[in-house]
Structure formats: C-alpha cells, structure tokens
Amino acid sequence: MNVAHEIDLLVQEIQRLGSKNDLGQTTVKFGVLFSDDRCANIFEALVGTLRAAKRKKIISFEGELLLQGVHDQVDVVLLQE
C-alpha cells in the first residue's frame, strides 16, 4: 500500500472511532486506535502511519512516537476532515 492511501484509511478510522472535541475536531485516544480489531487488520504499522500523517499535518498528537500502554491516553486529533 502507498502512504497516501494508508493515511486516507487512518482518517476514516479516526472518524469512525473518535468524537468531536470543543473545537469541532475529531479526536480519539491512541489506545482505542491501537486496540481496535479493524485497525489491526488494516494497518501493518499503525505507528508509522500516524507519524506520516503527523508530518503531513493531517493529524496531531503530543510527542514524536506513540507506544502501546505508555501512550494509550494520548489524544490523536484530526486536523483535516
């Protein structure tokens, strides 16, 4: 799969699993994304896709790298719907 396609799929999954915050942006906890069965089947390297989407300013999250367990409560915010 190419990166652009994976980022498009990521946006769809954030919209499916997330909810709107006070600013009207869709947000989801990293732990929710990581533990979702459908996401596990779609993304071979979820963390890599998240980093690529962050570099393209499609999403934002605190820090450079998200790790399961440690960062489960970190919000992944969708910047472009």
N, C-alpha and C. Protein backbone atom coordinates (compact mmCIF):
# COMPACT_ATOMS: atom_id res chain seq x y z
N MET A 1 0.84 -1.19 0.00
CA MET A 1 0.00 0.00 0.00
C MET A 1 0.87 1.25 0.00
N ASN A 2 0.37 2.30 -0.61
CA ASN A 2 1.14 3.53 -0.56
C ASN A 2 0.74 4.36 0.65
N VAL A 3 1.58 5.29 1.02
CA VAL A 3 1.40 6.06 2.25
C VAL A 3 0.13 6.91 2.19
N ALA A 4 -0.13 7.54 1.06
CA ALA A 4 -1.32 8.39 0.93
C ALA A 4 -2.59 7.58 1.15
N HIS A 5 -2.63 6.38 0.63
CA HIS A 5 -3.80 5.52 0.81
C HIS A 5 -3.95 5.13 2.28
N GLU A 6 -2.86 4.78 2.94
CA GLU A 6 -2.92 4.41 4.35
C GLU A 6 -3.38 5.58 5.21
N ILE A 7 -2.92 6.79 4.87
CA ILE A 7 -3.35 7.97 5.62
C ILE A 7 -4.85 8.20 5.42
N ASP A 8 -5.35 8.00 4.21
CA ASP A 8 -6.80 8.12 3.96
C ASP A 8 -7.57 7.12 4.81
N LEU A 9 -7.07 5.90 4.89
CA LEU A 9 -7.73 4.88 5.73
C LEU A 9 -7.67 5.28 7.20
N LEU A 10 -6.55 5.84 7.62
CA LEU A 10 -6.42 6.29 9.01
C LEU A 10 -7.45 7.37 9.34
N VAL A 11 -7.62 8.32 8.44
CA VAL A 11 -8.62 9.38 8.64
C VAL A 11 -10.00 8.76 8.81
N GLN A 12 -10.34 7.79 7.99
CA GLN A 12 -11.65 7.13 8.09
C GLN A 12 -11.81 6.43 9.44
N GLU A 13 -10.76 5.78 9.91
CA GLU A 13 -10.84 5.07 11.19
C GLU A 13 -10.93 6.03 12.36
N ILE A 14 -10.24 7.16 12.29
CA ILE A 14 -10.34 8.17 13.36
C ILE A 14 -11.77 8.72 13.39
N GLN A 15 -12.35 8.96 12.23
CA GLN A 15 -13.74 9.43 12.16
C GLN A 15 -14.70 8.39 12.72
N ARG A 16 -14.43 7.12 12.46
CA ARG A 16 -15.31 6.04 12.93
C ARG A 16 -15.24 5.89 14.44
N LEU A 17 -14.03 5.95 14.99
CA LEU A 17 -13.83 5.67 16.41
C LEU A 17 -13.86 6.90 17.31
N GLY A 18 -13.66 8.07 16.71
CA GLY A 18 -13.50 9.28 17.51
C GLY A 18 -14.78 10.01 17.81
N SER A 19 -14.60 11.13 18.50
CA SER A 19 -15.71 12.03 18.80
C SER A 19 -15.21 13.46 18.66
N LYS A 20 -16.14 14.40 18.54
CA LYS A 20 -15.78 15.80 18.36
C LYS A 20 -15.35 16.42 19.69
N ASN A 21 -14.30 17.25 19.64
CA ASN A 21 -13.89 17.99 20.83
C ASN A 21 -14.54 19.37 20.82
N ASP A 22 -14.16 20.24 21.76
CA ASP A 22 -14.75 21.57 21.86
C ASP A 22 -14.52 22.43 20.63
N LEU A 23 -13.46 22.14 19.89
CA LEU A 23 -13.14 22.92 18.69
C LEU A 23 -13.77 22.33 17.43
N GLY A 24 -14.54 21.26 17.58
CA GLY A 24 -15.18 20.62 16.44
C GLY A 24 -14.28 19.66 15.69
N GLN A 25 -13.10 19.38 16.25
CA GLN A 25 -12.18 18.43 15.62
C GLN A 25 -12.47 17.03 16.14
N THR A 26 -12.29 16.05 15.27
CA THR A 26 -12.47 14.65 15.69
C THR A 26 -11.21 14.21 16.42
N THR A 27 -11.41 13.58 17.58
CA THR A 27 -10.29 13.13 18.40
C THR A 27 -10.56 11.72 18.90
N VAL A 28 -9.49 10.95 19.03
CA VAL A 28 -9.60 9.58 19.53
C VAL A 28 -8.33 9.27 20.34
N LYS A 29 -8.47 8.48 21.37
CA LYS A 29 -7.31 8.07 22.17
C LYS A 29 -6.48 7.07 21.37
N PHE A 30 -5.16 7.16 21.50
CA PHE A 30 -4.27 6.24 20.81
C PHE A 30 -4.59 4.79 21.18
N GLY A 31 -4.86 4.54 22.44
CA GLY A 31 -5.16 3.18 22.89
C GLY A 31 -6.38 2.59 22.20
N VAL A 32 -7.38 3.43 21.93
CA VAL A 32 -8.58 2.97 21.22
C VAL A 32 -8.22 2.57 19.80
N LEU A 33 -7.44 3.40 19.13
CA LEU A 33 -7.00 3.07 17.76
C LEU A 33 -6.18 1.78 17.75
N PHE A 34 -5.23 1.70 18.67
CA PHE A 34 -4.29 0.59 18.67
C PHE A 34 -4.97 -0.74 18.97
N SER A 35 -5.97 -0.72 19.85
CA SER A 35 -6.61 -1.98 20.27
C SER A 35 -7.80 -2.37 19.41
N ASP A 36 -8.19 -1.52 18.47
CA ASP A 36 -9.33 -1.82 17.61
C ASP A 36 -8.97 -2.93 16.62
N ASP A 37 -9.80 -3.95 16.54
CA ASP A 37 -9.54 -5.10 15.66
C ASP A 37 -9.48 -4.70 14.19
N ARG A 38 -10.39 -3.84 13.78
CA ARG A 38 -10.41 -3.43 12.37
C ARG A 38 -9.12 -2.68 12.01
N CYS A 39 -8.67 -1.79 12.89
CA CYS A 39 -7.41 -1.07 12.64
C CYS A 39 -6.23 -2.04 12.60
N ALA A 40 -6.25 -3.02 13.47
CA ALA A 40 -5.16 -4.00 13.49
C ALA A 40 -5.09 -4.76 12.17
N ASN A 41 -6.24 -5.02 11.55
CA ASN A 41 -6.27 -5.73 10.28
C ASN A 41 -5.88 -4.83 9.10
N ILE A 42 -6.14 -3.53 9.22
CA ILE A 42 -5.85 -2.61 8.11
C ILE A 42 -4.39 -2.19 8.09
N PHE A 43 -3.88 -1.83 9.27
CA PHE A 43 -2.56 -1.19 9.33
C PHE A 43 -1.50 -2.17 9.79
N GLU A 44 -0.51 -2.36 8.92
CA GLU A 44 0.62 -3.20 9.28
C GLU A 44 1.51 -2.49 10.30
N ALA A 45 1.64 -1.18 10.13
CA ALA A 45 2.47 -0.37 11.03
C ALA A 45 1.70 0.90 11.38
N LEU A 46 0.78 0.79 12.34
CA LEU A 46 -0.07 1.92 12.73
C LEU A 46 0.76 3.12 13.16
N VAL A 47 1.79 2.88 13.97
CA VAL A 47 2.61 3.98 14.48
C VAL A 47 3.30 4.72 13.32
N GLY A 48 3.78 3.99 12.34
CA GLY A 48 4.40 4.61 11.18
C GLY A 48 3.42 5.45 10.38
N THR A 49 2.20 4.95 10.23
CA THR A 49 1.16 5.70 9.52
C THR A 49 0.80 6.96 10.28
N LEU A 50 0.71 6.86 11.60
CA LEU A 50 0.43 8.03 12.43
C LEU A 50 1.53 9.09 12.27
N ARG A 51 2.77 8.67 12.28
CA ARG A 51 3.89 9.61 12.14
C ARG A 51 3.87 10.27 10.76
N ALA A 52 3.57 9.50 9.71
CA ALA A 52 3.49 10.07 8.36
C ALA A 52 2.36 11.09 8.27
N ALA A 53 1.21 10.78 8.86
CA ALA A 53 0.07 11.70 8.84
C ALA A 53 0.38 12.96 9.64
N LYS A 54 1.13 12.81 10.72
CA LYS A 54 1.52 13.98 11.52
C LYS A 54 2.47 14.88 10.73
N ARG A 55 3.42 14.28 10.03
CA ARG A 55 4.35 15.05 9.21
C ARG A 55 3.62 15.85 8.12
N LYS A 56 2.52 15.28 7.61
CA LYS A 56 1.74 15.95 6.57
C LYS A 56 0.69 16.89 7.17
N LYS A 57 0.70 17.03 8.50
CA LYS A 57 -0.20 17.92 9.24
C LYS A 57 -1.67 17.56 9.03
N ILE A 58 -1.95 16.27 8.94
CA ILE A 58 -3.32 15.79 8.83
C ILE A 58 -3.86 15.46 10.22
N ILE A 59 -2.96 15.02 11.10
CA ILE A 59 -3.32 14.75 12.49
C ILE A 59 -2.28 15.43 13.38
N SER A 60 -2.60 15.48 14.68
CA SER A 60 -1.60 15.93 15.65
C SER A 60 -1.73 15.08 16.90
N PHE A 61 -0.62 14.93 17.59
CA PHE A 61 -0.58 14.28 18.90
C PHE A 61 0.67 14.74 19.60
N GLU A 62 0.65 14.62 20.93
CA GLU A 62 1.80 15.05 21.74
C GLU A 62 2.95 14.07 21.54
N GLY A 63 4.16 14.60 21.44
CA GLY A 63 5.34 13.76 21.33
C GLY A 63 5.64 13.36 19.90
N GLU A 64 6.71 12.59 19.76
CA GLU A 64 7.16 12.14 18.45
C GLU A 64 6.66 10.74 18.12
N LEU A 65 6.58 9.90 19.12
CA LEU A 65 6.29 8.48 18.93
C LEU A 65 5.28 8.02 19.97
N LEU A 66 4.31 7.24 19.55
CA LEU A 66 3.31 6.70 20.47
C LEU A 66 3.56 5.21 20.67
N LEU A 67 3.57 4.79 21.91
CA LEU A 67 3.80 3.39 22.25
C LEU A 67 2.60 2.83 22.99
N GLN A 68 2.24 1.59 22.68
CA GLN A 68 1.12 0.94 23.33
C GLN A 68 1.36 0.87 24.82
N GLY A 69 0.32 1.11 25.60
CA GLY A 69 0.42 1.07 27.05
C GLY A 69 0.83 2.41 27.61
N VAL A 70 2.00 2.87 27.26
CA VAL A 70 2.54 4.13 27.78
C VAL A 70 1.71 5.33 27.32
N HIS A 71 1.29 5.32 26.07
CA HIS A 71 0.61 6.48 25.47
C HIS A 71 -0.85 6.20 25.13
N ASP A 72 -1.47 5.23 25.78
CA ASP A 72 -2.85 4.87 25.45
C ASP A 72 -3.84 6.03 25.63
N GLN A 73 -3.54 6.96 26.54
CA GLN A 73 -4.48 8.07 26.81
C GLN A 73 -4.16 9.34 26.03
N VAL A 74 -3.19 9.27 25.11
CA VAL A 74 -2.83 10.44 24.30
C VAL A 74 -3.89 10.63 23.21
N ASP A 75 -4.35 11.87 23.06
CA ASP A 75 -5.33 12.19 22.03
C ASP A 75 -4.67 12.30 20.66
N VAL A 76 -5.28 11.65 19.67
CA VAL A 76 -4.90 11.82 18.27
C VAL A 76 -6.00 12.70 17.67
N VAL A 77 -5.61 13.88 17.22
CA VAL A 77 -6.58 14.88 16.75
C VAL A 77 -6.50 14.98 15.24
N LEU A 78 -7.65 14.88 14.60
CA LEU A 78 -7.75 15.00 13.16
C LEU A 78 -7.83 16.49 12.79
N LEU A 79 -6.84 16.99 12.07
CA LEU A 79 -6.78 18.41 11.71
C LEU A 79 -7.49 18.70 10.41
N GLN A 80 -7.57 17.70 9.53
CA GLN A 80 -8.25 17.86 8.24
C GLN A 80 -9.30 16.76 8.11
N GLU A 81 -10.54 17.16 7.99
CA GLU A 81 -11.65 16.18 7.89
C GLU A 81 -11.73 15.56 6.53
